[in-house]
Amino acid sequence: MKGVVLAGGTGSRLFPLTKITNKHLLPIYDRPMIYYPIQTLVGAGITEILLVTGGNNAGDFLRLLGNGRDFGLRHLNYTYQEGEGGIAAALALAEDFADGEPICVILGDNILQKGIRPAVEKYGTKARGGMILLKEVPDPERFGVPVLEGERIVKIEEKPKAPRSRYAVIGVYMYDARVFEIISMLKPSGRGELEITDVNNQYLAWGELDHDFVDGWWTDAGAIESLYRATCLIAQERAEGR
């Protein structure tokens, strides 16, 4: 399985911090934010990784990360997203890199305590369809939210005003090669973006979307409050020697 880190966007929810840099280069305690998703993939045994970024600070990623030696990688791949278009539009740029193989996609502002190796290994037993990861959160309206009937997901709603569960679809997704066919057929949402929730709902319509639950804490770091929360969580981990 190959890995894709999505690290584009304007980071508008983090203004003015992001007026002069990409949000994924901001610090989370003692490391740049972008270190954490790369470490998550490497910790899951994924060593072929593509970083998708954009904007005026794309070159800073190359200066910071180089070929990925700090993560034990022999090579780190890069591609550039021109303009905006949503998560699915950014993922579309990974098609040539994936080259028909299954991929594990992680958003560059997602921080996990215990990693994703069990989920990656579970998906790897079949490597077909899609898999999403869920976490119970206090503010599900900020995320894609699964509608559950028992243990079965019947639908995923994007940022619903009245969430029908307390779970968020976190920013880690596993897909087979058909994901790029799905993306090519998507139409922009009301926000003018190609939504990853629409990708997941297509796999769900095919009956080929599995899910698993995140062990340990998880947070995004895409807003001032969650950036602060992520820093506090990592600081606590360091203080406890983890």
C-alpha atoms as a PDB file:
ATOM      1  CA  MET A   1       0.000   0.000   0.000  1.00  0.00           C
ATOM      2  CA  LYS A   2       1.166   3.514  -0.827  1.00  0.00           C
ATOM      3  CA  GLY A   3       0.571   6.621   1.281  1.00  0.00           C
ATOM      4  CA  VAL A   4      -0.689  10.084   0.335  1.00  0.00           C
ATOM      5  CA  VAL A   5      -0.464  13.131   2.608  1.00  0.00           C
ATOM      6  CA  LEU A   6      -2.725  16.022   1.605  1.00  0.00           C
ATOM      7  CA  ALA A   7      -1.159  19.291   2.731  1.00  0.00           C
ATOM      8  CA  GLY A   8      -2.608  22.033   0.539  1.00  0.00           C
ATOM      9  CA  GLY A   9      -5.313  24.596   1.212  1.00  0.00           C
ATOM     10  CA  THR A  10      -5.185  28.191   2.387  1.00  0.00           C
ATOM     11  CA  GLY A  11      -5.561  27.513   6.102  1.00  0.00           C
ATOM     12  CA  SER A  12      -8.059  30.372   6.364  1.00  0.00           C
ATOM     13  CA  ARG A  13      -9.350  29.176   9.749  1.00  0.00           C
ATOM     14  CA  LEU A  14      -5.864  29.762  11.120  1.00  0.00           C
ATOM     15  CA  PHE A  15      -5.447  33.354   9.935  1.00  0.00           C
ATOM     16  CA  PRO A  16      -3.331  35.381  10.655  1.00  0.00           C
ATOM     17  CA  LEU A  17      -0.910  32.517  11.420  1.00  0.00           C
ATOM     18  CA  THR A  18      -1.181  31.284   7.849  1.00  0.00           C
ATOM     19  CA  LYS A  19      -0.862  34.612   6.043  1.00  0.00           C
ATOM     20  CA  ILE A  20       2.835  33.920   5.463  1.00  0.00           C
ATOM     21  CA  THR A  21       3.094  30.133   5.598  1.00  0.00           C
ATOM     22  CA  ASN A  22       1.254  26.890   4.892  1.00  0.00           C
ATOM     23  CA  LYS A  23      -0.671  25.692   7.958  1.00  0.00           C
ATOM     24  CA  HIS A  24       1.024  22.287   7.830  1.00  0.00           C
ATOM     25  CA  LEU A  25       4.350  23.982   8.562  1.00  0.00           C
ATOM     26  CA  LEU A  26       3.085  25.468  11.830  1.00  0.00           C
ATOM     27  CA  PRO A  27       4.456  23.876  15.017  1.00  0.00           C
ATOM     28  CA  ILE A  28       2.603  21.296  17.072  1.00  0.00           C
ATOM     29  CA  TYR A  29       4.614  21.453  20.291  1.00  0.00           C
ATOM     30  CA  ASP A  30       8.175  20.517  19.238  1.00  0.00           C
ATOM     31  CA  ARG A  31       7.719  19.538  15.579  1.00  0.00           C
ATOM     32  CA  PRO A  32       6.153  20.950  12.423  1.00  0.00           C
ATOM     33  CA  MET A  33       2.587  19.749  11.910  1.00  0.00           C
ATOM     34  CA  ILE A  34       3.479  17.891   8.712  1.00  0.00           C
ATOM     35  CA  TYR A  35       5.792  15.537  10.637  1.00  0.00           C
ATOM     36  CA  TYR A  36       2.874  13.844  12.390  1.00  0.00           C
ATOM     37  CA  PRO A  37       0.921  12.473   9.389  1.00  0.00           C
ATOM     38  CA  ILE A  38       4.130  11.273   7.749  1.00  0.00           C
ATOM     39  CA  GLN A  39       5.102   9.493  10.972  1.00  0.00           C
ATOM     40  CA  THR A  40       1.622   7.969  11.117  1.00  0.00           C
ATOM     41  CA  LEU A  41       2.069   6.416   7.663  1.00  0.00           C
ATOM     42  CA  VAL A  42       5.603   5.226   8.370  1.00  0.00           C
ATOM     43  CA  GLY A  43       4.445   3.756  11.687  1.00  0.00           C
ATOM     44  CA  ALA A  44       1.869   1.743   9.745  1.00  0.00           C
ATOM     45  CA  GLY A  45       4.602   0.264   7.555  1.00  0.00           C
ATOM     46  CA  ILE A  46       3.974   2.543   4.554  1.00  0.00           C
ATOM     47  CA  THR A  47       7.210   3.807   3.013  1.00  0.00           C
ATOM     48  CA  GLU A  48       6.161   4.951  -0.464  1.00  0.00           C
ATOM     49  CA  ILE A  49       4.642   8.357   0.255  1.00  0.00           C
ATOM     50  CA  LEU A  50       3.414  11.270  -1.866  1.00  0.00           C
ATOM     51  CA  LEU A  51       2.990  14.760  -0.409  1.00  0.00           C
ATOM     52  CA  VAL A  52       0.393  16.932  -2.162  1.00  0.00           C
ATOM     53  CA  THR A  53       0.705  20.640  -1.451  1.00  0.00           C
ATOM     54  CA  GLY A  54       0.138  23.990  -3.108  1.00  0.00           C
ATOM     55  CA  GLY A  55       0.169  27.739  -2.623  1.00  0.00           C
ATOM     56  CA  ASN A  56       3.137  30.050  -2.246  1.00  0.00           C
ATOM     57  CA  ASN A  57       5.036  27.989   0.315  1.00  0.00           C
ATOM     58  CA  ALA A  58       5.296  24.637  -1.460  1.00  0.00           C
ATOM     59  CA  GLY A  59       9.068  24.933  -1.708  1.00  0.00           C
ATOM     60  CA  ASP A  60       9.328  25.137   2.066  1.00  0.00           C
ATOM     61  CA  PHE A  61       8.204  21.507   2.326  1.00  0.00           C
ATOM     62  CA  LEU A  62      11.143  20.387   0.192  1.00  0.00           C
ATOM     63  CA  ARG A  63      13.573  22.417   2.306  1.00  0.00           C
ATOM     64  CA  LEU A  64      12.093  20.987   5.507  1.00  0.00           C
ATOM     65  CA  LEU A  65      11.550  17.354   4.524  1.00  0.00           C
ATOM     66  CA  GLY A  66      14.039  16.703   1.747  1.00  0.00           C
ATOM     67  CA  ASN A  67      13.828  13.069   0.681  1.00  0.00           C
ATOM     68  CA  GLY A  68      12.358  11.977   3.999  1.00  0.00           C
ATOM     69  CA  ARG A  69      15.557  10.743   5.620  1.00  0.00           C
ATOM     70  CA  ASP A  70      14.419  11.948   9.063  1.00  0.00           C
ATOM     71  CA  PHE A  71      11.541   9.457   8.803  1.00  0.00           C
ATOM     72  CA  GLY A  72      13.673   6.551   7.635  1.00  0.00           C
ATOM     73  CA  LEU A  73      12.552   6.950   4.024  1.00  0.00           C
ATOM     74  CA  ARG A  74      14.781   6.527   0.992  1.00  0.00           C
ATOM     75  CA  HIS A  75      12.609   8.842  -1.084  1.00  0.00           C
ATOM     76  CA  LEU A  76       9.689  11.219  -0.574  1.00  0.00           C
ATOM     77  CA  ASN A  77       7.503  12.167  -3.552  1.00  0.00           C
ATOM     78  CA  TYR A  78       5.929  15.589  -4.109  1.00  0.00           C
ATOM     79  CA  THR A  79       3.236  17.038  -6.338  1.00  0.00           C
ATOM     80  CA  TYR A  80       1.717  20.514  -6.609  1.00  0.00           C
ATOM     81  CA  GLN A  81      -1.975  21.438  -6.572  1.00  0.00           C
ATOM     82  CA  GLU A  82      -2.816  24.552  -8.531  1.00  0.00           C
ATOM     83  CA  GLY A  83      -5.652  26.506  -6.949  1.00  0.00           C
ATOM     84  CA  GLU A  84      -8.283  24.994  -4.662  1.00  0.00           C
ATOM     85  CA  GLY A  85     -10.917  22.353  -5.201  1.00  0.00           C
ATOM     86  CA  GLY A  86     -11.370  20.272  -2.090  1.00  0.00           C
ATOM     87  CA  ILE A  87      -9.862  17.119  -0.661  1.00  0.00           C
ATOM     88  CA  ALA A  88     -10.993  14.878  -3.507  1.00  0.00           C
ATOM     89  CA  ALA A  89      -9.511  17.244  -6.095  1.00  0.00           C
ATOM     90  CA  ALA A  90      -6.174  17.139  -4.288  1.00  0.00           C
ATOM     91  CA  LEU A  91      -6.314  13.353  -4.100  1.00  0.00           C
ATOM     92  CA  ALA A  92      -6.881  13.136  -7.860  1.00  0.00           C
ATOM     93  CA  LEU A  93      -3.290  14.324  -8.325  1.00  0.00           C
ATOM     94  CA  ALA A  94      -2.068  11.055  -6.800  1.00  0.00           C
ATOM     95  CA  GLU A  95      -3.387   8.817  -9.587  1.00  0.00           C
ATOM     96  CA  ASP A  96      -0.078   8.354 -11.417  1.00  0.00           C
ATOM     97  CA  PHE A  97       1.746   7.820  -8.128  1.00  0.00           C
ATOM     98  CA  ALA A  98      -0.745   5.153  -7.011  1.00  0.00           C
ATOM     99  CA  ASP A  99      -0.299   3.304 -10.320  1.00  0.00           C
ATOM    100  CA  GLY A 100      -3.189   0.945  -9.634  1.00  0.00           C
ATOM    101  CA  GLU A 101      -2.188   0.066  -6.074  1.00  0.00           C
ATOM    102  CA  PRO A 102      -4.320   0.678  -2.968  1.00  0.00           C
ATOM    103  CA  ILE A 103      -3.590   3.877  -1.087  1.00  0.00           C
ATOM    104  CA  CYS A 104      -3.852   5.198   2.442  1.00  0.00           C
ATOM    105  CA  VAL A 105      -4.711   8.908   2.449  1.00  0.00           C
ATOM    106  CA  ILE A 106      -4.174  11.140   5.484  1.00  0.00           C
ATOM    107  CA  LEU A 107      -4.960  14.816   5.844  1.00  0.00           C
ATOM    108  CA  GLY A 108      -1.920  16.812   6.851  1.00  0.00           C
ATOM    109  CA  ASP A 109      -3.557  18.321   9.937  1.00  0.00           C
ATOM    110  CA  ASN A 110      -4.622  15.020  11.541  1.00  0.00           C
ATOM    111  CA  ILE A 111      -2.827  13.943  14.714  1.00  0.00           C
ATOM    112  CA  LEU A 112      -3.338  10.488  16.251  1.00  0.00           C
ATOM    113  CA  GLN A 113      -2.075   9.111  19.528  1.00  0.00           C
ATOM    114  CA  LYS A 114      -1.767   5.427  18.685  1.00  0.00           C
ATOM    115  CA  GLY A 115      -1.382   5.213  14.946  1.00  0.00           C
ATOM    116  CA  ILE A 116      -3.271   3.288  12.281  1.00  0.00           C
ATOM    117  CA  ARG A 117      -1.302   0.071  11.735  1.00  0.00           C
ATOM    118  CA  PRO A 118      -4.153  -2.259  12.873  1.00  0.00           C
ATOM    119  CA  ALA A 119      -6.582  -0.609  10.430  1.00  0.00           C
ATOM    120  CA  VAL A 120      -4.046  -0.665   7.585  1.00  0.00           C
ATOM    121  CA  GLU A 121      -3.366  -4.362   8.192  1.00  0.00           C
ATOM    122  CA  LYS A 122      -7.101  -5.088   8.345  1.00  0.00           C
ATOM    123  CA  TYR A 123      -7.689  -3.304   5.041  1.00  0.00           C
ATOM    124  CA  GLY A 124      -4.662  -5.022   3.523  1.00  0.00           C
ATOM    125  CA  THR A 125      -6.259  -8.451   3.913  1.00  0.00           C
ATOM    126  CA  LYS A 126      -8.573  -7.623   1.008  1.00  0.00           C
ATOM    127  CA  ALA A 127      -7.324  -4.271  -0.395  1.00  0.00           C
ATOM    128  CA  ARG A 128     -10.616  -3.722  -2.181  1.00  0.00           C
ATOM    129  CA  GLY A 129     -13.215  -1.011  -1.752  1.00  0.00           C
ATOM    130  CA  GLY A 130     -12.704   1.679   0.845  1.00  0.00           C
ATOM    131  CA  MET A 131     -12.217   1.995   4.573  1.00  0.00           C
ATOM    132  CA  ILE A 132     -12.815   4.964   6.862  1.00  0.00           C
ATOM    133  CA  LEU A 133     -11.910   5.500  10.511  1.00  0.00           C
ATOM    134  CA  LEU A 134     -14.351   6.847  13.092  1.00  0.00           C
ATOM    135  CA  LYS A 135     -13.877   8.624  16.414  1.00  0.00           C
ATOM    136  CA  GLU A 136     -16.478   9.869  18.897  1.00  0.00           C
ATOM    137  CA  VAL A 137     -16.104  13.646  19.260  1.00  0.00           C
ATOM    138  CA  PRO A 138     -17.869  16.495  21.098  1.00  0.00           C
ATOM    139  CA  ASP A 139     -18.326  18.547  17.911  1.00  0.00           C
ATOM    140  CA  PRO A 140     -19.242  16.188  15.041  1.00  0.00           C
ATOM    141  CA  GLU A 141     -20.857  19.034  13.082  1.00  0.00           C
ATOM    142  CA  ARG A 142     -17.338  20.086  12.048  1.00  0.00           C
ATOM    143  CA  PHE A 143     -16.741  16.841  10.147  1.00  0.00           C
ATOM    144  CA  GLY A 144     -18.242  14.165   7.967  1.00  0.00           C
ATOM    145  CA  VAL A 145     -20.684  12.280  10.202  1.00  0.00           C
ATOM    146  CA  PRO A 146     -21.785   8.653   9.712  1.00  0.00           C
ATOM    147  CA  VAL A 147     -25.488   7.820  10.014  1.00  0.00           C
ATOM    148  CA  LEU A 148     -25.582   4.467  11.772  1.00  0.00           C
ATOM    149  CA  GLU A 149     -28.149   1.683  11.928  1.00  0.00           C
ATOM    150  CA  GLY A 150     -26.701  -0.604  14.549  1.00  0.00           C
ATOM    151  CA  GLU A 151     -23.114  -1.183  13.445  1.00  0.00           C
ATOM    152  CA  ARG A 152     -23.887  -0.445   9.787  1.00  0.00           C
ATOM    153  CA  ILE A 153     -23.225   2.922   8.137  1.00  0.00           C
ATOM    154  CA  VAL A 154     -26.105   3.868   5.857  1.00  0.00           C
ATOM    155  CA  LYS A 155     -24.920   7.345   4.879  1.00  0.00           C
ATOM    156  CA  ILE A 156     -22.254   9.947   5.575  1.00  0.00           C
ATOM    157  CA  GLU A 157     -23.312  13.578   5.925  1.00  0.00           C
ATOM    158  CA  GLU A 158     -20.838  16.407   5.419  1.00  0.00           C
ATOM    159  CA  LYS A 159     -20.758  18.936   8.274  1.00  0.00           C
ATOM    160  CA  PRO A 160     -24.441  18.492   9.220  1.00  0.00           C
ATOM    161  CA  LYS A 161     -26.084  21.175  11.364  1.00  0.00           C
ATOM    162  CA  ALA A 162     -27.889  18.434  13.303  1.00  0.00           C
ATOM    163  CA  PRO A 163     -25.523  15.424  13.439  1.00  0.00           C
ATOM    164  CA  ARG A 164     -27.239  12.037  13.622  1.00  0.00           C
ATOM    165  CA  SER A 165     -24.365  10.423  15.514  1.00  0.00           C
ATOM    166  CA  ARG A 166     -21.525  11.529  17.787  1.00  0.00           C
ATOM    167  CA  TYR A 167     -18.880  10.132  15.468  1.00  0.00           C
ATOM    168  CA  ALA A 168     -16.594  11.947  13.054  1.00  0.00           C
ATOM    169  CA  VAL A 169     -15.042  10.446   9.952  1.00  0.00           C
ATOM    170  CA  ILE A 170     -11.429  11.345  10.643  1.00  0.00           C
ATOM    171  CA  GLY A 171      -9.001  12.373   7.933  1.00  0.00           C
ATOM    172  CA  VAL A 172      -7.622   8.903   7.186  1.00  0.00           C
ATOM    173  CA  TYR A 173      -9.024   6.943   4.233  1.00  0.00           C
ATOM    174  CA  MET A 174      -8.025   3.748   2.437  1.00  0.00           C
ATOM    175  CA  TYR A 175      -9.066   3.131  -1.162  1.00  0.00           C
ATOM    176  CA  ASP A 176      -8.505   0.839  -4.089  1.00  0.00           C
ATOM    177  CA  ALA A 177      -7.664   2.188  -7.543  1.00  0.00           C
ATOM    178  CA  ARG A 178     -11.319   2.890  -8.374  1.00  0.00           C
ATOM    179  CA  VAL A 179     -11.196   5.990  -6.193  1.00  0.00           C
ATOM    180  CA  PHE A 180      -9.847   7.950  -9.140  1.00  0.00           C
ATOM    181  CA  GLU A 181     -12.751   6.871 -11.345  1.00  0.00           C
ATOM    182  CA  ILE A 182     -15.139   8.069  -8.648  1.00  0.00           C
ATOM    183  CA  ILE A 183     -13.385  11.428  -8.354  1.00  0.00           C
ATOM    184  CA  SER A 184     -13.516  11.936 -12.119  1.00  0.00           C
ATOM    185  CA  MET A 185     -17.324  11.696 -11.958  1.00  0.00           C
ATOM    186  CA  LEU A 186     -17.854  14.019  -8.972  1.00  0.00           C
ATOM    187  CA  LYS A 187     -19.541  17.390  -9.270  1.00  0.00           C
ATOM    188  CA  PRO A 188     -18.668  20.316  -6.970  1.00  0.00           C
ATOM    189  CA  SER A 189     -20.732  20.625  -3.813  1.00  0.00           C
ATOM    190  CA  GLY A 190     -22.468  23.784  -2.649  1.00  0.00           C
ATOM    191  CA  ARG A 191     -19.091  24.851  -1.280  1.00  0.00           C
ATOM    192  CA  GLY A 192     -17.631  24.617  -4.791  1.00  0.00           C
ATOM    193  CA  GLU A 193     -15.430  21.665  -3.836  1.00  0.00           C
ATOM    194  CA  LEU A 194     -15.101  17.991  -4.719  1.00  0.00           C
ATOM    195  CA  GLU A 195     -16.000  16.380  -1.415  1.00  0.00           C
ATOM    196  CA  ILE A 196     -14.299  13.299  -0.003  1.00  0.00           C
ATOM    197  CA  THR A 197     -17.646  12.482   1.650  1.00  0.00           C
ATOM    198  CA  ASP A 198     -19.092  11.955  -1.846  1.00  0.00           C
ATOM    199  CA  VAL A 199     -16.273   9.501  -2.565  1.00  0.00           C
ATOM    200  CA  ASN A 200     -17.049   7.578   0.621  1.00  0.00           C
ATOM    201  CA  ASN A 201     -20.774   7.557  -0.113  1.00  0.00           C
ATOM    202  CA  GLN A 202     -20.111   6.051  -3.548  1.00  0.00           C
ATOM    203  CA  TYR A 203     -18.185   3.182  -1.989  1.00  0.00           C
ATOM    204  CA  LEU A 204     -21.045   2.868   0.500  1.00  0.00           C
ATOM    205  CA  ALA A 205     -23.561   2.664  -2.368  1.00  0.00           C
ATOM    206  CA  TRP A 206     -21.513  -0.193  -3.817  1.00  0.00           C
ATOM    207  CA  GLY A 207     -21.567  -1.956  -0.446  1.00  0.00           C
ATOM    208  CA  GLU A 208     -17.783  -1.721  -0.291  1.00  0.00           C
ATOM    209  CA  LEU A 209     -17.036   0.750   2.514  1.00  0.00           C
ATOM    210  CA  ASP A 210     -15.666  -0.755   5.711  1.00  0.00           C
ATOM    211  CA  HIS A 211     -15.008   1.177   8.901  1.00  0.00           C
ATOM    212  CA  ASP A 212     -12.981   0.869  12.049  1.00  0.00           C
ATOM    213  CA  PHE A 213     -12.703   2.884  15.247  1.00  0.00           C
ATOM    214  CA  VAL A 214      -9.701   4.923  16.331  1.00  0.00           C
ATOM    215  CA  ASP A 215      -7.924   3.778  19.480  1.00  0.00           C
ATOM    216  CA  GLY A 216      -6.550   6.569  21.689  1.00  0.00           C
ATOM    217  CA  TRP A 217      -7.110  10.246  21.121  1.00  0.00           C
ATOM    218  CA  TRP A 218      -7.368  11.971  17.766  1.00  0.00           C
ATOM    219  CA  THR A 219      -7.613  15.612  16.769  1.00  0.00           C
ATOM    220  CA  ASP A 220      -7.323  17.742  13.706  1.00  0.00           C
ATOM    221  CA  ALA A 221      -5.299  20.962  13.926  1.00  0.00           C
ATOM    222  CA  GLY A 222      -7.022  23.067  11.303  1.00  0.00           C
ATOM    223  CA  ALA A 223      -8.475  25.782  13.543  1.00  0.00           C
ATOM    224  CA  ILE A 224      -7.050  27.857  16.372  1.00  0.00           C
ATOM    225  CA  GLU A 225      -8.817  25.816  19.055  1.00  0.00           C
ATOM    226  CA  SER A 226      -7.821  22.431  17.643  1.00  0.00           C
ATOM    227  CA  LEU A 227      -4.249  23.593  16.960  1.00  0.00           C
ATOM    228  CA  TYR A 228      -3.984  24.483  20.647  1.00  0.00           C
ATOM    229  CA  ARG A 229      -5.597  21.177  21.654  1.00  0.00           C
ATOM    230  CA  ALA A 230      -3.166  19.206  19.503  1.00  0.00           C
ATOM    231  CA  THR A 231      -0.218  21.023  21.062  1.00  0.00           C
ATOM    232  CA  CYS A 232      -1.464  20.279  24.583  1.00  0.00           C
ATOM    233  CA  LEU A 233      -2.018  16.600  23.785  1.00  0.00           C
ATOM    234  CA  ILE A 234       1.448  16.183  22.298  1.00  0.00           C
ATOM    235  CA  ALA A 235       3.013  18.088  25.206  1.00  0.00           C
ATOM    236  CA  GLN A 236       1.360  15.657  27.601  1.00  0.00           C
ATOM    237  CA  GLU A 237       2.624  12.696  25.577  1.00  0.00           C
ATOM    238  CA  ARG A 238       6.177  14.062  25.728  1.00  0.00           C
ATOM    239  CA  ALA A 239       5.909  14.730  29.471  1.00  0.00           C
ATOM    240  CA  GLU A 240       4.827  11.125  30.012  1.00  0.00           C
ATOM    241  CA  GLY A 241       7.732   9.883  27.921  1.00  0.00           C
ATOM    242  CA  ARG A 242       5.676   8.540  25.021  1.00  0.00           C
END
